[in-house]
């Protein structure tokens, strides 16, 4: 018998959780008070889901830990 899981809120982390749950084991329902799920994705880059803060890569990598990992990644893909 499947267990029931209710996820409150339809933001990015809720959608990610739902995507990782095994649908063979769980009945999953996402409840969102707004009109659509994942609305934060629509405002990406306008302050909603913006990870870069529109700053130079050299300053961005210092915001995260471990910064050496991000330095390797960002420098490799943003040259």
PDB file of N, CA and C in Angstrom:
ATOM      1  N   UNK A   1       0.826  -1.172   0.000  1.00  0.00           N
ATOM      2  CA  UNK A   1       0.000   0.000   0.000  1.00  0.00           C
ATOM      3  C   UNK A   1       0.883   1.253   0.000  1.00  0.00           C
ATOM      4  N   UNK A   2       0.558   2.219  -0.863  1.00  0.00           N
ATOM      5  CA  UNK A   2       1.324   3.454  -0.960  1.00  0.00           C
ATOM      6  C   UNK A   2       1.021   4.379   0.209  1.00  0.00           C
ATOM      7  N   UNK A   3       2.055   5.098   0.635  1.00  0.00           N
ATOM      8  CA  UNK A   3       1.867   6.141   1.635  1.00  0.00           C
ATOM      9  C   UNK A   3       1.557   7.442   0.900  1.00  0.00           C
ATOM     10  N   UNK A   4       0.871   8.343   1.571  1.00  0.00           N
ATOM     11  CA  UNK A   4       0.509   9.624   0.994  1.00  0.00           C
ATOM     12  C   UNK A   4       1.439  10.708   1.519  1.00  0.00           C
ATOM     13  N   UNK A   5       1.957  11.510   0.590  1.00  0.00           N
ATOM     14  CA  UNK A   5       2.808  12.634   0.965  1.00  0.00           C
ATOM     15  C   UNK A   5       2.173  13.901   0.420  1.00  0.00           C
ATOM     16  N   UNK A   6       2.004  14.885   1.298  1.00  0.00           N
ATOM     17  CA  UNK A   6       1.506  16.197   0.901  1.00  0.00           C
ATOM     18  C   UNK A   6       2.643  17.195   1.029  1.00  0.00           C
ATOM     19  N   UNK A   7       2.923  17.916  -0.039  1.00  0.00           N
ATOM     20  CA  UNK A   7       3.978  18.925  -0.043  1.00  0.00           C
ATOM     21  C   UNK A   7       3.288  20.280  -0.092  1.00  0.00           C
ATOM     22  N   UNK A   8       3.589  21.107   0.899  1.00  0.00           N
ATOM     23  CA  UNK A   8       2.969  22.424   0.987  1.00  0.00           C
ATOM     24  C   UNK A   8       3.891  23.447   0.339  1.00  0.00           C
ATOM     25  N   UNK A   9       3.412  24.098  -0.707  1.00  0.00           N
ATOM     26  CA  UNK A   9       4.199  25.090  -1.435  1.00  0.00           C
ATOM     27  C   UNK A   9       4.756  24.496  -2.707  1.00  0.00           C
ATOM     28  N   UNK A  10       4.668  25.247  -3.785  1.00  0.00           N
ATOM     29  CA  UNK A  10       5.111  24.753  -5.084  1.00  0.00           C
ATOM     30  C   UNK A  10       6.334  25.455  -5.617  1.00  0.00           C
ATOM     31  N   UNK A  11       7.273  25.752  -4.716  1.00  0.00           N
ATOM     32  CA  UNK A  11       8.508  26.410  -5.126  1.00  0.00           C
ATOM     33  C   UNK A  11       9.522  25.417  -5.665  1.00  0.00           C
ATOM     34  N   UNK A  12      10.699  25.904  -6.044  1.00  0.00           N
ATOM     35  CA  UNK A  12      11.740  25.053  -6.624  1.00  0.00           C
ATOM     36  C   UNK A  12      12.128  23.852  -5.752  1.00  0.00           C
ATOM     37  N   UNK A  13      12.281  24.060  -4.451  1.00  0.00           N
ATOM     38  CA  UNK A  13      12.686  22.935  -3.595  1.00  0.00           C
ATOM     39  C   UNK A  13      11.579  21.902  -3.458  1.00  0.00           C
ATOM     40  N   UNK A  14      10.336  22.347  -3.455  1.00  0.00           N
ATOM     41  CA  UNK A  14       9.214  21.407  -3.395  1.00  0.00           C
ATOM     42  C   UNK A  14       9.129  20.557  -4.651  1.00  0.00           C
ATOM     43  N   UNK A  15       9.331  21.194  -5.779  1.00  0.00           N
ATOM     44  CA  UNK A  15       9.302  20.454  -7.043  1.00  0.00           C
ATOM     45  C   UNK A  15      10.447  19.456  -7.121  1.00  0.00           C
ATOM     46  N   UNK A  16      11.603  19.851  -6.616  1.00  0.00           N
ATOM     47  CA  UNK A  16      12.751  18.939  -6.608  1.00  0.00           C
ATOM     48  C   UNK A  16      12.486  17.747  -5.702  1.00  0.00           C
ATOM     49  N   UNK A  17      11.922  17.999  -4.534  1.00  0.00           N
ATOM     50  CA  UNK A  17      11.563  16.904  -3.623  1.00  0.00           C
ATOM     51  C   UNK A  17      10.601  15.941  -4.306  1.00  0.00           C
ATOM     52  N   UNK A  18       9.558  16.465  -4.907  1.00  0.00           N
ATOM     53  CA  UNK A  18       8.566  15.617  -5.579  1.00  0.00           C
ATOM     54  C   UNK A  18       9.195  14.799  -6.696  1.00  0.00           C
ATOM     55  N   UNK A  19      10.144  15.384  -7.390  1.00  0.00           N
ATOM     56  CA  UNK A  19      10.804  14.681  -8.496  1.00  0.00           C
ATOM     57  C   UNK A  19      11.640  13.500  -8.003  1.00  0.00           C
ATOM     58  N   UNK A  20      12.161  13.601  -6.783  1.00  0.00           N
ATOM     59  CA  UNK A  20      13.018  12.537  -6.258  1.00  0.00           C
ATOM     60  C   UNK A  20      12.261  11.450  -5.506  1.00  0.00           C
ATOM     61  N   UNK A  21      11.021  11.691  -5.173  1.00  0.00           N
ATOM     62  CA  UNK A  21      10.247  10.672  -4.463  1.00  0.00           C
ATOM     63  C   UNK A  21       9.818   9.557  -5.414  1.00  0.00           C
ATOM     64  N   UNK A  22       9.789   8.352  -4.921  1.00  0.00           N
ATOM     65  CA  UNK A  22       9.431   7.181  -5.721  1.00  0.00           C
ATOM     66  C   UNK A  22       7.911   7.082  -5.847  1.00  0.00           C
ATOM     67  N   UNK A  23       7.393   7.286  -7.065  1.00  0.00           N
ATOM     68  CA  UNK A  23       5.939   7.266  -7.281  1.00  0.00           C
ATOM     69  C   UNK A  23       5.354   5.862  -7.119  1.00  0.00           C
ATOM     70  N   UNK A  24       6.184   4.841  -7.121  1.00  0.00           N
ATOM     71  CA  UNK A  24       5.697   3.490  -6.860  1.00  0.00           C
ATOM     72  C   UNK A  24       5.424   3.270  -5.372  1.00  0.00           C
ATOM     73  N   UNK A  25       6.046   4.091  -4.532  1.00  0.00           N
ATOM     74  CA  UNK A  25       5.888   3.951  -3.084  1.00  0.00           C
ATOM     75  C   UNK A  25       4.982   5.017  -2.470  1.00  0.00           C
ATOM     76  N   UNK A  26       4.839   6.166  -3.162  1.00  0.00           N
ATOM     77  CA  UNK A  26       4.125   7.295  -2.566  1.00  0.00           C
ATOM     78  C   UNK A  26       3.112   7.901  -3.526  1.00  0.00           C
ATOM     79  N   UNK A  27       1.971   8.308  -2.979  1.00  0.00           N
ATOM     80  CA  UNK A  27       1.032   9.181  -3.676  1.00  0.00           C
ATOM     81  C   UNK A  27       1.404  10.596  -3.264  1.00  0.00           C
ATOM     82  N   UNK A  28       1.793  11.420  -4.219  1.00  0.00           N
ATOM     83  CA  UNK A  28       2.342  12.738  -3.922  1.00  0.00           C
ATOM     84  C   UNK A  28       1.390  13.822  -4.417  1.00  0.00           C
ATOM     85  N   UNK A  29       1.094  14.769  -3.531  1.00  0.00           N
ATOM     86  CA  UNK A  29       0.273  15.917  -3.904  1.00  0.00           C
ATOM     87  C   UNK A  29       1.006  17.181  -3.479  1.00  0.00           C
ATOM     88  N   UNK A  30       1.109  18.136  -4.406  1.00  0.00           N
ATOM     89  CA  UNK A  30       1.718  19.434  -4.098  1.00  0.00           C
ATOM     90  C   UNK A  30       0.591  20.460  -3.993  1.00  0.00           C
ATOM     91  N   UNK A  31       0.563  21.194  -2.889  1.00  0.00           N
ATOM     92  CA  UNK A  31      -0.431  22.234  -2.675  1.00  0.00           C
ATOM     93  C   UNK A  31       0.237  23.598  -2.791  1.00  0.00           C
ATOM     94  N   UNK A  32      -0.293  24.434  -3.650  1.00  0.00           N
ATOM     95  CA  UNK A  32       0.250  25.779  -3.862  1.00  0.00           C
ATOM     96  C   UNK A  32      -0.888  26.785  -3.833  1.00  0.00           C
ATOM     97  N   UNK A  33      -0.732  27.861  -3.073  1.00  0.00           N
ATOM     98  CA  UNK A  33      -1.796  28.860  -2.965  1.00  0.00           C
ATOM     99  C   UNK A  33      -1.873  29.779  -4.186  1.00  0.00           C
ATOM    100  N   UNK A  34      -0.773  29.926  -4.912  1.00  0.00           N
ATOM    101  CA  UNK A  34      -0.761  30.789  -6.094  1.00  0.00           C
ATOM    102  C   UNK A  34      -1.288  30.055  -7.317  1.00  0.00           C
ATOM    103  N   UNK A  35      -1.379  30.758  -8.435  1.00  0.00           N
ATOM    104  CA  UNK A  35      -1.965  30.197  -9.648  1.00  0.00           C
ATOM    105  C   UNK A  35      -1.139  29.064 -10.258  1.00  0.00           C
ATOM    106  N   UNK A  36       0.178  29.152 -10.152  1.00  0.00           N
ATOM    107  CA  UNK A  36       1.024  28.160 -10.819  1.00  0.00           C
ATOM    108  C   UNK A  36       2.140  27.666  -9.906  1.00  0.00           C
ATOM    109  N   UNK A  37       2.647  26.488 -10.221  1.00  0.00           N
ATOM    110  CA  UNK A  37       3.803  25.928  -9.515  1.00  0.00           C
ATOM    111  C   UNK A  37       5.083  26.495 -10.122  1.00  0.00           C
ATOM    112  N   UNK A  38       6.132  26.564  -9.323  1.00  0.00           N
ATOM    113  CA  UNK A  38       7.444  26.952  -9.833  1.00  0.00           C
ATOM    114  C   UNK A  38       7.532  28.360 -10.362  1.00  0.00           C
ATOM    115  N   UNK A  39       6.719  29.245  -9.871  1.00  0.00           N
ATOM    116  CA  UNK A  39       6.684  30.617 -10.383  1.00  0.00           C
ATOM    117  C   UNK A  39       8.026  31.333 -10.231  1.00  0.00           C
ATOM    118  N   UNK A  40       8.817  30.957  -9.248  1.00  0.00           N
ATOM    119  CA  UNK A  40      10.131  31.575  -9.053  1.00  0.00           C
ATOM    120  C   UNK A  40      11.028  31.410 -10.279  1.00  0.00           C
ATOM    121  N   UNK A  41      10.862  30.323 -10.997  1.00  0.00           N
ATOM    122  CA  UNK A  41      11.672  30.113 -12.189  1.00  0.00           C
ATOM    123  C   UNK A  41      11.390  31.170 -13.249  1.00  0.00           C
ATOM    124  N   UNK A  42      10.186  31.704 -13.263  1.00  0.00           N
ATOM    125  CA  UNK A  42       9.810  32.702 -14.261  1.00  0.00           C
ATOM    126  C   UNK A  42      10.454  34.056 -14.007  1.00  0.00           C
ATOM    127  N   UNK A  43      10.862  34.322 -12.782  1.00  0.00           N
ATOM    128  CA  UNK A  43      11.483  35.599 -12.467  1.00  0.00           C
ATOM    129  C   UNK A  43      12.997  35.484 -12.329  1.00  0.00           C
ATOM    130  N   UNK A  44      13.567  34.393 -12.791  1.00  0.00           N
ATOM    131  CA  UNK A  44      15.012  34.190 -12.700  1.00  0.00           C
ATOM    132  C   UNK A  44      15.726  35.362 -13.361  1.00  0.00           C
ATOM    133  N   UNK A  45      16.710  35.878 -12.663  1.00  0.00           N
ATOM    134  CA  UNK A  45      17.460  36.999 -13.196  1.00  0.00           C
ATOM    135  C   UNK A  45      16.876  38.351 -12.820  1.00  0.00           C
ATOM    136  N   UNK A  46      15.723  38.379 -12.207  1.00  0.00           N
ATOM    137  CA  UNK A  46      15.110  39.641 -11.782  1.00  0.00           C
ATOM    138  C   UNK A  46      15.022  39.698 -10.255  1.00  0.00           C
ATOM    139  N   UNK A  47      15.974  39.069  -9.604  1.00  0.00           N
ATOM    140  CA  UNK A  47      16.018  39.111  -8.149  1.00  0.00           C
ATOM    141  C   UNK A  47      15.350  37.936  -7.471  1.00  0.00           C
ATOM    142  N   UNK A  48      14.611  37.109  -8.192  1.00  0.00           N
ATOM    143  CA  UNK A  48      13.910  36.003  -7.574  1.00  0.00           C
ATOM    144  C   UNK A  48      14.774  34.788  -7.343  1.00  0.00           C
ATOM    145  N   UNK A  49      15.378  34.290  -8.384  1.00  0.00           N
ATOM    146  CA  UNK A  49      16.165  33.061  -8.287  1.00  0.00           C
ATOM    147  C   UNK A  49      17.542  33.312  -8.893  1.00  0.00           C
ATOM    148  N   UNK A  50      18.059  34.490  -8.659  1.00  0.00           N
ATOM    149  CA  UNK A  50      19.300  34.928  -9.277  1.00  0.00           C
ATOM    150  C   UNK A  50      20.475  34.582  -8.364  1.00  0.00           C
ATOM    151  N   UNK A  51      21.279  33.615  -8.765  1.00  0.00           N
ATOM    152  CA  UNK A  51      22.420  33.197  -7.958  1.00  0.00           C
ATOM    153  C   UNK A  51      23.631  34.086  -8.156  1.00  0.00           C
ATOM    154  N   UNK A  52      23.695  34.809  -9.238  1.00  0.00           N
ATOM    155  CA  UNK A  52      24.901  35.569  -9.572  1.00  0.00           C
ATOM    156  C   UNK A  52      24.921  36.963  -8.984  1.00  0.00           C
ATOM    157  N   UNK A  53      23.802  37.527  -8.678  1.00  0.00           N
ATOM    158  CA  UNK A  53      23.717  38.905  -8.195  1.00  0.00           C
ATOM    159  C   UNK A  53      24.302  39.873  -9.209  1.00  0.00           C
ATOM    160  N   UNK A  54      24.418  39.446 -10.465  1.00  0.00           N
ATOM    161  CA  UNK A  54      24.920  40.275 -11.564  1.00  0.00           C
ATOM    162  C   UNK A  54      26.277  40.883 -11.247  1.00  0.00           C
ATOM    163  N   UNK A  55      27.132  40.104 -10.639  1.00  0.00           N
ATOM    164  CA  UNK A  55      28.456  40.606 -10.311  1.00  0.00           C
ATOM    165  C   UNK A  55      29.509  39.830 -11.081  1.00  0.00           C
ATOM    166  N   UNK A  56      30.733  40.346 -11.157  1.00  0.00           N
ATOM    167  CA  UNK A  56      31.801  39.630 -11.865  1.00  0.00           C
ATOM    168  C   UNK A  56      32.034  38.243 -11.258  1.00  0.00           C
ATOM    169  N   UNK A  57      32.428  37.299 -12.102  1.00  0.00           N
ATOM    170  CA  UNK A  57      32.670  35.916 -11.664  1.00  0.00           C
ATOM    171  C   UNK A  57      33.669  35.866 -10.512  1.00  0.00           C
ATOM    172  N   UNK A  58      34.705  36.683 -10.570  1.00  0.00           N
ATOM    173  CA  UNK A  58      35.725  36.666  -9.516  1.00  0.00           C
ATOM    174  C   UNK A  58      35.135  37.002  -8.140  1.00  0.00           C
ATOM    175  N   UNK A  59      34.123  37.864  -8.091  1.00  0.00           N
ATOM    176  CA  UNK A  59      33.470  38.197  -6.826  1.00  0.00           C
ATOM    177  C   UNK A  59      32.414  37.161  -6.449  1.00  0.00           C
ATOM    178  N   UNK A  60      31.729  36.611  -7.452  1.00  0.00           N
ATOM    179  CA  UNK A  60      30.688  35.615  -7.209  1.00  0.00           C
ATOM    180  C   UNK A  60      31.239  34.395  -6.471  1.00  0.00           C
ATOM    181  N   UNK A  61      32.368  33.862  -6.930  1.00  0.00           N
ATOM    182  CA  UNK A  61      32.886  32.629  -6.339  1.00  0.00           C
ATOM    183  C   UNK A  61      33.273  32.793  -4.878  1.00  0.00           C
ATOM    184  N   UNK A  62      33.573  33.991  -4.459  1.00  0.00           N
ATOM    185  CA  UNK A  62      33.952  34.219  -3.060  1.00  0.00           C
ATOM    186  C   UNK A  62      32.743  34.183  -2.127  1.00  0.00           C
ATOM    187  N   UNK A  63      31.523  34.239  -2.677  1.00  0.00           N
ATOM    188  CA  UNK A  63      30.309  34.216  -1.850  1.00  0.00           C
ATOM    189  C   UNK A  63      29.963  32.808  -1.362  1.00  0.00           C
ATOM    190  N   UNK A  64      30.524  31.778  -2.000  1.00  0.00           N
ATOM    191  CA  UNK A  64      30.112  30.401  -1.725  1.00  0.00           C
ATOM    192  C   UNK A  64      31.273  29.591  -1.167  1.00  0.00           C
ATOM    193  N   UNK A  65      30.934  28.566  -0.393  1.00  0.00           N
ATOM    194  CA  UNK A  65      31.937  27.714   0.233  1.00  0.00           C
ATOM    195  C   UNK A  65      31.754  26.288  -0.258  1.00  0.00           C
ATOM    196  N   UNK A  66      32.778  25.585  -0.650  1.00  0.00           N
ATOM    197  CA  UNK A  66      34.168  26.027  -0.732  1.00  0.00           C
ATOM    198  C   UNK A  66      34.398  26.820  -2.018  1.00  0.00           C
ATOM    199  N   UNK A  67      34.997  27.964  -1.904  1.00  0.00           N
ATOM    200  CA  UNK A  67      35.180  28.832  -3.072  1.00  0.00           C
ATOM    201  C   UNK A  67      36.131  28.213  -4.094  1.00  0.00           C
ATOM    202  N   UNK A  68      37.071  27.383  -3.662  1.00  0.00           N
ATOM    203  CA  UNK A  68      38.015  26.782  -4.623  1.00  0.00           C
ATOM    204  C   UNK A  68      37.290  25.881  -5.624  1.00  0.00           C
ATOM    205  N   UNK A  69      36.228  25.190  -5.184  1.00  0.00           N
ATOM    206  CA  UNK A  69      35.442  24.367  -6.099  1.00  0.00           C
ATOM    207  C   UNK A  69      34.780  25.246  -7.154  1.00  0.00           C
ATOM    208  N   UNK A  70      34.147  26.314  -6.719  1.00  0.00           N
ATOM    209  CA  UNK A  70      33.455  27.198  -7.649  1.00  0.00           C
ATOM    210  C   UNK A  70      34.425  27.924  -8.571  1.00  0.00           C
ATOM    211  N   UNK A  71      35.606  28.272  -8.060  1.00  0.00           N
ATOM    212  CA  UNK A  71      36.600  28.919  -8.920  1.00  0.00           C
ATOM    213  C   UNK A  71      36.938  28.023 -10.099  1.00  0.00           C
ATOM    214  N   UNK A  72      37.188  26.737  -9.832  1.00  0.00           N
ATOM    215  CA  UNK A  72      37.514  25.796 -10.908  1.00  0.00           C
ATOM    216  C   UNK A  72      36.356  25.691 -11.896  1.00  0.00           C
ATOM    217  N   UNK A  73      35.158  25.563 -11.381  1.00  0.00           N
ATOM    218  CA  UNK A  73      33.983  25.391 -12.226  1.00  0.00           C
ATOM    219  C   UNK A  73      33.702  26.629 -13.065  1.00  0.00           C
ATOM    220  N   UNK A  74      33.595  27.774 -12.426  1.00  0.00           N
ATOM    221  CA  UNK A  74      33.220  28.995 -13.143  1.00  0.00           C
ATOM    222  C   UNK A  74      34.296  29.455 -14.111  1.00  0.00           C
ATOM    223  N   UNK A  75      35.538  29.348 -13.709  1.00  0.00           N
ATOM    224  CA  UNK A  75      36.621  29.771 -14.597  1.00  0.00           C
ATOM    225  C   UNK A  75      36.663  28.879 -15.832  1.00  0.00           C
ATOM    226  N   UNK A  76      36.422  27.588 -15.647  1.00  0.00           N
ATOM    227  CA  UNK A  76      36.439  26.652 -16.773  1.00  0.00           C
ATOM    228  C   UNK A  76      35.314  26.963 -17.766  1.00  0.00           C
ATOM    229  N   UNK A  77      34.131  27.305 -17.287  1.00  0.00           N
ATOM    230  CA  UNK A  77      32.976  27.475 -18.158  1.00  0.00           C
ATOM    231  C   UNK A  77      32.663  28.928 -18.507  1.00  0.00           C
ATOM    232  N   UNK A  78      33.375  29.886 -17.940  1.00  0.00           N
ATOM    233  CA  UNK A  78      33.082  31.297 -18.202  1.00  0.00           C
ATOM    234  C   UNK A  78      34.309  32.052 -18.683  1.00  0.00           C
ATOM    235  N   UNK A  79      35.058  31.477 -19.570  1.00  0.00           N
ATOM    236  CA  UNK A  79      36.234  32.163 -20.116  1.00  0.00           C
ATOM    237  C   UNK A  79      35.933  32.733 -21.474  1.00  0.00           C
TER     238      UNK A  79
END
